[in-house]
PDB file of all heavy atoms in Angstrom:
ATOM      1  N   GLU A   1      86.467  86.643 117.784  1.00  0.00           N
ATOM      2  CA  GLU A   1      86.070  86.069 119.072  1.00  0.00           C
ATOM      3  C   GLU A   1      84.953  86.901 119.708  1.00  0.00           C
ATOM      4  O   GLU A   1      85.068  88.115 119.814  1.00  0.00           O
ATOM      5  CB  GLU A   1      87.279  85.991 120.006  1.00  0.00           C
ATOM      6  CG  GLU A   1      88.376  85.069 119.468  1.00  0.00           C
ATOM      7  CD  GLU A   1      89.608  85.060 120.345  1.00  0.00           C
ATOM      8  OE1 GLU A   1      89.538  85.589 121.481  1.00  0.00           O
ATOM      9  OE2 GLU A   1      90.640  84.532 119.901  1.00  0.00           O
ATOM     10  N   LEU A   2      83.895  86.226 120.112  1.00  0.00           N
ATOM     11  CA  LEU A   2      82.748  86.904 120.720  1.00  0.00           C
ATOM     12  C   LEU A   2      82.445  86.338 122.101  1.00  0.00           C
ATOM     13  O   LEU A   2      82.561  85.128 122.312  1.00  0.00           O
ATOM     14  CB  LEU A   2      81.499  86.723 119.842  1.00  0.00           C
ATOM     15  CG  LEU A   2      81.595  87.215 118.393  1.00  0.00           C
ATOM     16  CD1 LEU A   2      80.368  86.788 117.613  1.00  0.00           C
ATOM     17  CD2 LEU A   2      81.724  88.731 118.365  1.00  0.00           C
ATOM     18  N   PHE A   3      82.069  87.210 123.027  1.00  0.00           N
ATOM     19  CA  PHE A   3      81.582  86.726 124.312  1.00  0.00           C
ATOM     20  C   PHE A   3      80.233  86.040 124.098  1.00  0.00           C
ATOM     21  O   PHE A   3      79.450  86.451 123.232  1.00  0.00           O
ATOM     22  CB  PHE A   3      81.445  87.876 125.306  1.00  0.00           C
ATOM     23  CG  PHE A   3      82.767  88.437 125.758  1.00  0.00           C
ATOM     24  CD1 PHE A   3      83.252  89.620 125.215  1.00  0.00           C
ATOM     25  CD2 PHE A   3      83.526  87.779 126.711  1.00  0.00           C
ATOM     26  CE1 PHE A   3      84.475  90.129 125.624  1.00  0.00           C
ATOM     27  CE2 PHE A   3      84.750  88.288 127.128  1.00  0.00           C
ATOM     28  CZ  PHE A   3      85.227  89.466 126.578  1.00  0.00           C
ATOM     29  N   GLU A   4      79.960  85.011 124.881  1.00  0.00           N
ATOM     30  CA  GLU A   4      78.791  84.158 124.622  1.00  0.00           C
ATOM     31  C   GLU A   4      77.454  84.881 124.784  1.00  0.00           C
ATOM     32  O   GLU A   4      76.439  84.447 124.251  1.00  0.00           O
ATOM     33  CB  GLU A   4      78.829  82.914 125.506  1.00  0.00           C
ATOM     34  CG  GLU A   4      78.764  83.201 126.989  1.00  0.00           C
ATOM     35  CD  GLU A   4      78.878  81.931 127.833  1.00  0.00           C
ATOM     36  OE1 GLU A   4      79.320  80.895 127.309  1.00  0.00           O
ATOM     37  OE2 GLU A   4      78.515  81.995 129.024  1.00  0.00           O
ATOM     38  N   ASP A   5      77.441  86.001 125.511  1.00  0.00           N
ATOM     39  CA  ASP A   5      76.174  86.716 125.716  1.00  0.00           C
ATOM     40  C   ASP A   5      75.819  87.637 124.554  1.00  0.00           C
ATOM     41  O   ASP A   5      74.694  88.135 124.472  1.00  0.00           O
ATOM     42  CB  ASP A   5      76.251  87.559 127.002  1.00  0.00           C
ATOM     43  CG  ASP A   5      77.420  88.539 126.985  1.00  0.00           C
ATOM     44  OD1 ASP A   5      78.553  88.110 127.264  1.00  0.00           O
ATOM     45  OD2 ASP A   5      77.209  89.712 126.668  1.00  0.00           O
ATOM     46  N   VAL A   6      76.759  87.850 123.625  1.00  0.00           N
ATOM     47  CA  VAL A   6      76.582  88.890 122.606  1.00  0.00           C
ATOM     48  C   VAL A   6      75.493  88.549 121.593  1.00  0.00           C
ATOM     49  O   VAL A   6      74.536  89.313 121.407  1.00  0.00           O
ATOM     50  CB  VAL A   6      77.918  89.176 121.891  1.00  0.00           C
ATOM     51  CG1 VAL A   6      77.704  90.080 120.675  1.00  0.00           C
ATOM     52  CG2 VAL A   6      78.905  89.824 122.855  1.00  0.00           C
ATOM     53  N   VAL A   7      75.621  87.429 120.912  1.00  0.00           N
ATOM     54  CA  VAL A   7      74.681  87.099 119.833  1.00  0.00           C
ATOM     55  C   VAL A   7      73.247  86.935 120.343  1.00  0.00           C
ATOM     56  O   VAL A   7      72.315  87.510 119.753  1.00  0.00           O
ATOM     57  CB  VAL A   7      75.145  85.862 119.045  1.00  0.00           C
ATOM     58  CG1 VAL A   7      74.065  85.378 118.082  1.00  0.00           C
ATOM     59  CG2 VAL A   7      76.423  86.193 118.270  1.00  0.00           C
ATOM     60  N   PRO A   8      73.005  86.188 121.437  1.00  0.00           N
ATOM     61  CA  PRO A   8      71.624  86.084 121.928  1.00  0.00           C
ATOM     62  C   PRO A   8      71.014  87.444 122.271  1.00  0.00           C
ATOM     63  O   PRO A   8      69.832  87.693 121.992  1.00  0.00           O
ATOM     64  CB  PRO A   8      71.754  85.211 123.186  1.00  0.00           C
ATOM     65  CG  PRO A   8      72.993  84.409 122.972  1.00  0.00           C
ATOM     66  CD  PRO A   8      73.922  85.330 122.226  1.00  0.00           C
ATOM     67  N   ALA A   9      71.821  88.326 122.850  1.00  0.00           N
ATOM     68  CA  ALA A   9      71.308  89.651 123.218  1.00  0.00           C
ATOM     69  C   ALA A   9      70.939  90.452 121.980  1.00  0.00           C
ATOM     70  O   ALA A   9      69.866  91.072 121.913  1.00  0.00           O
ATOM     71  CB  ALA A   9      72.348  90.402 124.050  1.00  0.00           C
ATOM     72  N   ILE A  10      71.817  90.446 120.983  1.00  0.00           N
ATOM     73  CA  ILE A  10      71.534  91.225 119.770  1.00  0.00           C
ATOM     74  C   ILE A  10      70.292  90.687 119.062  1.00  0.00           C
ATOM     75  O   ILE A  10      69.470  91.457 118.553  1.00  0.00           O
ATOM     76  CB  ILE A  10      72.761  91.219 118.826  1.00  0.00           C
ATOM     77  CG1 ILE A  10      73.917  91.990 119.473  1.00  0.00           C
ATOM     78  CG2 ILE A  10      72.407  91.844 117.479  1.00  0.00           C
ATOM     79  CD1 ILE A  10      75.201  91.981 118.674  1.00  0.00           C
ATOM     80  N   ARG A  11      70.133  89.363 119.052  1.00  0.00           N
ATOM     81  CA  ARG A  11      68.932  88.784 118.426  1.00  0.00           C
ATOM     82  C   ARG A  11      67.666  89.285 119.138  1.00  0.00           C
ATOM     83  O   ARG A  11      66.670  89.623 118.490  1.00  0.00           O
ATOM     84  CB  ARG A  11      68.998  87.257 118.456  1.00  0.00           C
ATOM     85  CG  ARG A  11      70.049  86.679 117.523  1.00  0.00           C
ATOM     86  CD  ARG A  11      69.847  85.172 117.335  1.00  0.00           C
ATOM     87  NE  ARG A  11      70.970  84.562 116.670  1.00  0.00           N
ATOM     88  CZ  ARG A  11      71.239  84.639 115.364  1.00  0.00           C
ATOM     89  NH1 ARG A  11      70.423  85.321 114.580  1.00  0.00           N
ATOM     90  NH2 ARG A  11      72.290  84.038 114.843  1.00  0.00           N
ATOM     91  N   LYS A  12      67.707  89.355 120.466  1.00  0.00           N
ATOM     92  CA  LYS A  12      66.549  89.842 121.231  1.00  0.00           C
ATOM     93  C   LYS A  12      66.267  91.309 120.915  1.00  0.00           C
ATOM     94  O   LYS A  12      65.107  91.716 120.766  1.00  0.00           O
ATOM     95  CB  LYS A  12      66.798  89.666 122.737  1.00  0.00           C
ATOM     96  CG  LYS A  12      66.611  88.236 123.221  1.00  0.00           C
ATOM     97  CD  LYS A  12      66.791  88.166 124.728  1.00  0.00           C
ATOM     98  CE  LYS A  12      66.610  86.736 125.230  1.00  0.00           C
ATOM     99  NZ  LYS A  12      66.857  86.644 126.696  1.00  0.00           N
ATOM    100  N   TRP A  13      67.331  92.108 120.834  1.00  0.00           N
ATOM    101  CA  TRP A  13      67.135  93.528 120.540  1.00  0.00           C
ATOM    102  C   TRP A  13      66.476  93.701 119.183  1.00  0.00           C
ATOM    103  O   TRP A  13      65.572  94.510 119.018  1.00  0.00           O
ATOM    104  CB  TRP A  13      68.475  94.266 120.561  1.00  0.00           C
ATOM    105  CG  TRP A  13      69.198  94.188 121.867  1.00  0.00           C
ATOM    106  CD1 TRP A  13      68.675  93.850 123.085  1.00  0.00           C
ATOM    107  CD2 TRP A  13      70.587  94.448 122.084  1.00  0.00           C
ATOM    108  NE1 TRP A  13      69.652  93.886 124.044  1.00  0.00           N
ATOM    109  CE2 TRP A  13      70.838  94.250 123.470  1.00  0.00           C
ATOM    110  CE3 TRP A  13      71.642  94.834 121.264  1.00  0.00           C
ATOM    111  CZ2 TRP A  13      72.101  94.417 124.022  1.00  0.00           C
ATOM    112  CZ3 TRP A  13      72.900  95.007 121.822  1.00  0.00           C
ATOM    113  CH2 TRP A  13      73.122  94.797 123.183  1.00  0.00           C
ATOM    114  N   ARG A  14      66.946  92.927 118.220  1.00  0.00           N
ATOM    115  CA  ARG A  14      66.399  93.054 116.863  1.00  0.00           C
ATOM    116  C   ARG A  14      64.937  92.593 116.817  1.00  0.00           C
ATOM    117  O   ARG A  14      64.108  93.185 116.133  1.00  0.00           O
ATOM    118  CB  ARG A  14      67.265  92.277 115.871  1.00  0.00           C
ATOM    119  CG  ARG A  14      68.635  92.927 115.658  1.00  0.00           C
ATOM    120  CD  ARG A  14      69.475  92.136 114.682  1.00  0.00           C
ATOM    121  NE  ARG A  14      68.848  92.090 113.366  1.00  0.00           N
ATOM    122  CZ  ARG A  14      68.976  93.030 112.435  1.00  0.00           C
ATOM    123  NH1 ARG A  14      69.705  94.108 112.658  1.00  0.00           N
ATOM    124  NH2 ARG A  14      68.374  92.913 111.257  1.00  0.00           N
ATOM    125  N   GLU A  15      64.639  91.532 117.564  1.00  0.00           N
ATOM    126  CA  GLU A  15      63.249  91.059 117.638  1.00  0.00           C
ATOM    127  C   GLU A  15      62.345  92.114 118.251  1.00  0.00           C
ATOM    128  O   GLU A  15      61.153  92.187 117.939  1.00  0.00           O
ATOM    129  CB  GLU A  15      63.182  89.762 118.447  1.00  0.00           C
ATOM    130  CG  GLU A  15      63.734  88.543 117.700  1.00  0.00           C
ATOM    131  CD  GLU A  15      63.936  87.355 118.620  1.00  0.00           C
ATOM    132  OE1 GLU A  15      63.496  87.425 119.797  1.00  0.00           O
ATOM    133  OE2 GLU A  15      64.543  86.364 118.180  1.00  0.00           O
ATOM    134  N   ALA A  16      62.918  92.949 119.131  1.00  0.00           N
ATOM    135  CA  ALA A  16      62.152  94.016 119.780  1.00  0.00           C
ATOM    136  C   ALA A  16      62.064  95.266 118.907  1.00  0.00           C
ATOM    137  O   ALA A  16      61.508  96.282 119.313  1.00  0.00           O
ATOM    138  CB  ALA A  16      62.785  94.362 121.123  1.00  0.00           C
ATOM    139  N   GLY A  17      62.627  95.177 117.689  1.00  0.00           N
ATOM    140  CA  GLY A  17      62.548  96.309 116.767  1.00  0.00           C
ATOM    141  C   GLY A  17      63.735  97.252 116.804  1.00  0.00           C
ATOM    142  O   GLY A  17      63.718  98.302 116.158  1.00  0.00           O
ATOM    143  N   MET A  18      64.760  96.893 117.587  1.00  0.00           N
ATOM    144  CA  MET A  18      65.953  97.732 117.666  1.00  0.00           C
ATOM    145  C   MET A  18      66.825  97.558 116.424  1.00  0.00           C
ATOM    146  O   MET A  18      66.812  96.511 115.783  1.00  0.00           O
ATOM    147  CB  MET A  18      66.797  97.353 118.892  1.00  0.00           C
ATOM    148  CG  MET A  18      66.100  97.545 120.206  1.00  0.00           C
ATOM    149  SD  MET A  18      65.870  99.305 120.531  1.00  0.00           S
ATOM    150  CE  MET A  18      64.650  99.196 121.830  1.00  0.00           C
ATOM    151  N   LYS A  19      67.599  98.581 116.118  1.00  0.00           N
ATOM    152  CA  LYS A  19      68.628  98.482 115.095  1.00  0.00           C
ATOM    153  C   LYS A  19      69.992  98.504 115.790  1.00  0.00           C
ATOM    154  O   LYS A  19      70.159  99.175 116.815  1.00  0.00           O
ATOM    155  CB  LYS A  19      68.511  99.624 114.080  1.00  0.00           C
ATOM    156  CG  LYS A  19      67.271  99.511 113.221  1.00  0.00           C
ATOM    157  CD  LYS A  19      67.279 100.528 112.092  1.00  0.00           C
ATOM    158  CE  LYS A  19      66.080 100.302 111.169  1.00  0.00           C
ATOM    159  NZ  LYS A  19      66.082 101.236 110.021  1.00  0.00           N
ATOM    160  N   VAL A  20      70.917  97.745 115.225  1.00  0.00           N
ATOM    161  CA  VAL A  20      72.233  97.603 115.849  1.00  0.00           C
ATOM    162  C   VAL A  20      73.314  97.975 114.830  1.00  0.00           C
ATOM    163  O   VAL A  20      73.330  97.459 113.709  1.00  0.00           O
ATOM    164  CB  VAL A  20      72.457  96.156 116.344  1.00  0.00           C
ATOM    165  CG1 VAL A  20      73.820  96.035 117.030  1.00  0.00           C
ATOM    166  CG2 VAL A  20      71.345  95.739 117.298  1.00  0.00           C
ATOM    167  N   TYR A  21      74.193  98.884 115.243  1.00  0.00           N
ATOM    168  CA  TYR A  21      75.281  99.342 114.374  1.00  0.00           C
ATOM    169  C   TYR A  21      76.618  99.157 115.079  1.00  0.00           C
ATOM    170  O   TYR A  21      76.700  99.187 116.306  1.00  0.00           O
ATOM    171  CB  TYR A  21      75.118 100.830 114.037  1.00  0.00           C
ATOM    172  CG  TYR A  21      73.878 101.145 113.239  1.00  0.00           C
ATOM    173  CD1 TYR A  21      72.646 101.343 113.874  1.00  0.00           C
ATOM    174  CD2 TYR A  21      73.916 101.251 111.847  1.00  0.00           C
ATOM    175  CE1 TYR A  21      71.498 101.638 113.153  1.00  0.00           C
ATOM    176  CE2 TYR A  21      72.772 101.547 111.113  1.00  0.00           C
ATOM    177  CZ  TYR A  21      71.567 101.737 111.774  1.00  0.00           C
ATOM    178  OH  TYR A  21      70.437 102.023 111.051  1.00  0.00           O
ATOM    179  N   ILE A  22      77.662  98.986 114.282  1.00  0.00           N
ATOM    180  CA  ILE A  22      79.018  98.915 114.814  1.00  0.00           C
ATOM    181  C   ILE A  22      79.742 100.215 114.483  1.00  0.00           C
ATOM    182  O   ILE A  22      79.676 100.695 113.350  1.00  0.00           O
ATOM    183  CB  ILE A  22      79.803  97.731 114.195  1.00  0.00           C
ATOM    184  CG1 ILE A  22      79.110  96.399 114.483  1.00  0.00           C
ATOM    185  CG2 ILE A  22      81.244  97.720 114.722  1.00  0.00           C
ATOM    186  CD1 ILE A  22      79.069  96.012 115.946  1.00  0.00           C
ATOM    187  N   TYR A  23      80.427 100.781 115.476  1.00  0.00           N
ATOM    188  CA  TYR A  23      81.287 101.948 115.260  1.00  0.00           C
ATOM    189  C   TYR A  23      82.641 101.603 115.850  1.00  0.00           C
ATOM    190  O   TYR A  23      82.746 101.335 117.048  1.00  0.00           O
ATOM    191  CB  TYR A  23      80.681 103.181 115.934  1.00  0.00           C
ATOM    192  CG  TYR A  23      81.498 104.447 115.832  1.00  0.00           C
ATOM    193  CD1 TYR A  23      82.342 104.703 114.753  1.00  0.00           C
ATOM    194  CD2 TYR A  23      81.401 105.425 116.824  1.00  0.00           C
ATOM    195  CE1 TYR A  23      83.069 105.877 114.675  1.00  0.00           C
ATOM    196  CE2 TYR A  23      82.109 106.612 116.746  1.00  0.00           C
ATOM    197  CZ  TYR A  23      82.941 106.837 115.668  1.00  0.00           C
ATOM    198  OH  TYR A  23      83.657 108.007 115.596  1.00  0.00           O
ATOM    199  N   SER A  24      83.674 101.568 115.009  1.00  0.00           N
ATOM    200  CA  SER A  24      84.987 101.115 115.462  1.00  0.00           C
ATOM    201  C   SER A  24      86.091 101.935 114.815  1.00  0.00           C
ATOM    202  O   SER A  24      85.934 102.462 113.712  1.00  0.00           O
ATOM    203  CB  SER A  24      85.180  99.635 115.098  1.00  0.00           C
ATOM    204  OG  SER A  24      86.499  99.204 115.395  1.00  0.00           O
ATOM    205  N   SER A  25      87.222 102.036 115.503  1.00  0.00           N
ATOM    206  CA  SER A  25      88.395 102.663 114.880  1.00  0.00           C
ATOM    207  C   SER A  25      88.994 101.733 113.833  1.00  0.00           C
ATOM    208  O   SER A  25      89.769 102.158 112.982  1.00  0.00           O
ATOM    209  CB  SER A  25      89.434 103.036 115.941  1.00  0.00           C
ATOM    210  OG  SER A  25      89.776 101.916 116.717  1.00  0.00           O
ATOM    211  N   GLY A  26      88.645 100.443 113.890  1.00  0.00           N
ATOM    212  CA  GLY A  26      89.015  99.521 112.822  1.00  0.00           C
ATOM    213  C   GLY A  26      88.140  99.778 111.606  1.00  0.00           C
ATOM    214  O   GLY A  26      86.988 100.205 111.735  1.00  0.00           O
ATOM    215  N   SER A  27      88.679  99.557 110.414  1.00  0.00           N
ATOM    216  CA  SER A  27      87.946  99.863 109.189  1.00  0.00           C
ATOM    217  C   SER A  27      86.669  99.045 109.084  1.00  0.00           C
ATOM    218  O   SER A  27      86.536  97.981 109.691  1.00  0.00           O
ATOM    219  CB  SER A  27      88.828  99.585 107.967  1.00  0.00           C
ATOM    220  OG  SER A  27      89.043  98.188 107.822  1.00  0.00           O
ATOM    221  N   VAL A  28      85.733  99.530 108.268  1.00  0.00           N
ATOM    222  CA  VAL A  28      84.499  98.789 108.019  1.00  0.00           C
ATOM    223  C   VAL A  28      84.831  97.406 107.451  1.00  0.00           C
ATOM    224  O   VAL A  28      84.214  96.409 107.834  1.00  0.00           O
ATOM    225  CB  VAL A  28      83.584  99.573 107.053  1.00  0.00           C
ATOM    226  CG1 VAL A  28      82.438  98.689 106.553  1.00  0.00           C
ATOM    227  CG2 VAL A  28      83.018 100.810 107.747  1.00  0.00           C
ATOM    228  N   GLU A  29      85.819  97.341 106.564  1.00  0.00           N
ATOM    229  CA  GLU A  29      86.215  96.041 106.007  1.00  0.00           C
ATOM    230  C   GLU A  29      86.676  95.091 107.117  1.00  0.00           C
ATOM    231  O   GLU A  29      86.282  93.922 107.147  1.00  0.00           O
ATOM    232  CB  GLU A  29      87.329  96.205 104.976  1.00  0.00           C
ATOM    233  CG  GLU A  29      87.740  94.880 104.333  1.00  0.00           C
ATOM    234  CD  GLU A  29      88.880  95.010 103.342  1.00  0.00           C
ATOM    235  OE1 GLU A  29      89.604  96.018 103.381  1.00  0.00           O
ATOM    236  OE2 GLU A  29      89.047  94.082 102.543  1.00  0.00           O
ATOM    237  N   ALA A  30      87.499  95.590 108.046  1.00  0.00           N
ATOM    238  CA  ALA A  30      87.985  94.755 109.146  1.00  0.00           C
ATOM    239  C   ALA A  30      86.831  94.302 110.040  1.00  0.00           C
ATOM    240  O   ALA A  30      86.805  93.162 110.517  1.00  0.00           O
ATOM    241  CB  ALA A  30      89.025  95.520 109.966  1.00  0.00           C
ATOM    242  N   GLN A  31      85.860  95.187 110.268  1.00  0.00           N
ATOM    243  CA  GLN A  31      84.687  94.821 111.069  1.00  0.00           C
ATOM    244  C   GLN A  31      83.918  93.678 110.412  1.00  0.00           C
ATOM    245  O   GLN A  31      83.526  92.707 111.065  1.00  0.00           O
ATOM    246  CB  GLN A  31      83.744  96.014 111.210  1.00  0.00           C
ATOM    247  CG  GLN A  31      84.302  97.207 111.955  1.00  0.00           C
ATOM    248  CD  GLN A  31      83.356  98.388 111.861  1.00  0.00           C
ATOM    249  OE1 GLN A  31      82.144  98.237 111.918  1.00  0.00           O
ATOM    250  NE2 GLN A  31      83.894  99.588 111.698  1.00  0.00           N
ATOM    251  N   LYS A  32      83.695  93.803 109.111  1.00  0.00           N
ATOM    252  CA  LYS A  32      82.911  92.800 108.400  1.00  0.00           C
ATOM    253  C   LYS A  32      83.623  91.448 108.374  1.00  0.00           C
ATOM    254  O   LYS A  32      82.981  90.396 108.404  1.00  0.00           O
ATOM    255  CB  LYS A  32      82.600  93.285 106.984  1.00  0.00           C
ATOM    256  CG  LYS A  32      81.583  94.423 106.973  1.00  0.00           C
ATOM    257  CD  LYS A  32      81.227  94.864 105.568  1.00  0.00           C
ATOM    258  CE  LYS A  32      80.131  95.927 105.593  1.00  0.00           C
ATOM    259  NZ  LYS A  32      79.772  96.392 104.237  1.00  0.00           N
ATOM    260  N   LEU A  33      84.946  91.475 108.351  1.00  0.00           N
ATOM    261  CA  LEU A  33      85.701  90.222 108.419  1.00  0.00           C
ATOM    262  C   LEU A  33      85.529  89.570 109.787  1.00  0.00           C
ATOM    263  O   LEU A  33      85.287  88.369 109.897  1.00  0.00           O
ATOM    264  CB  LEU A  33      87.188  90.481 108.146  1.00  0.00           C
ATOM    265  CG  LEU A  33      87.566  90.809 106.705  1.00  0.00           C
ATOM    266  CD1 LEU A  33      89.010  91.301 106.632  1.00  0.00           C
ATOM    267  CD2 LEU A  33      87.374  89.598 105.808  1.00  0.00           C
ATOM    268  N   LEU A  34      85.637  90.387 110.839  1.00  0.00           N
ATOM    269  CA  LEU A  34      85.523  89.855 112.204  1.00  0.00           C
ATOM    270  C   LEU A  34      84.161  89.193 112.422  1.00  0.00           C
ATOM    271  O   LEU A  34      84.071  88.090 112.955  1.00  0.00           O
ATOM    272  CB  LEU A  34      85.762  90.983 113.208  1.00  0.00           C
ATOM    273  CG  LEU A  34      85.955  90.584 114.675  1.00  0.00           C
ATOM    274  CD1 LEU A  34      86.753  91.660 115.396  1.00  0.00           C
ATOM    275  CD2 LEU A  34      84.631  90.370 115.397  1.00  0.00           C
TER     276      LEU A  34
END
C-alpha cells in the first residue's frame, strides 16, 4: 500500500537526477515484494 503522493514525487526526483534508495528493518526481499 502506497500513499498517493509517493510515486509522482519519486518520479520527479529521478527526473531531476536524484537517486532513491530504500533502507528498512524489513529484508531486501520483503521490500522488493512490497
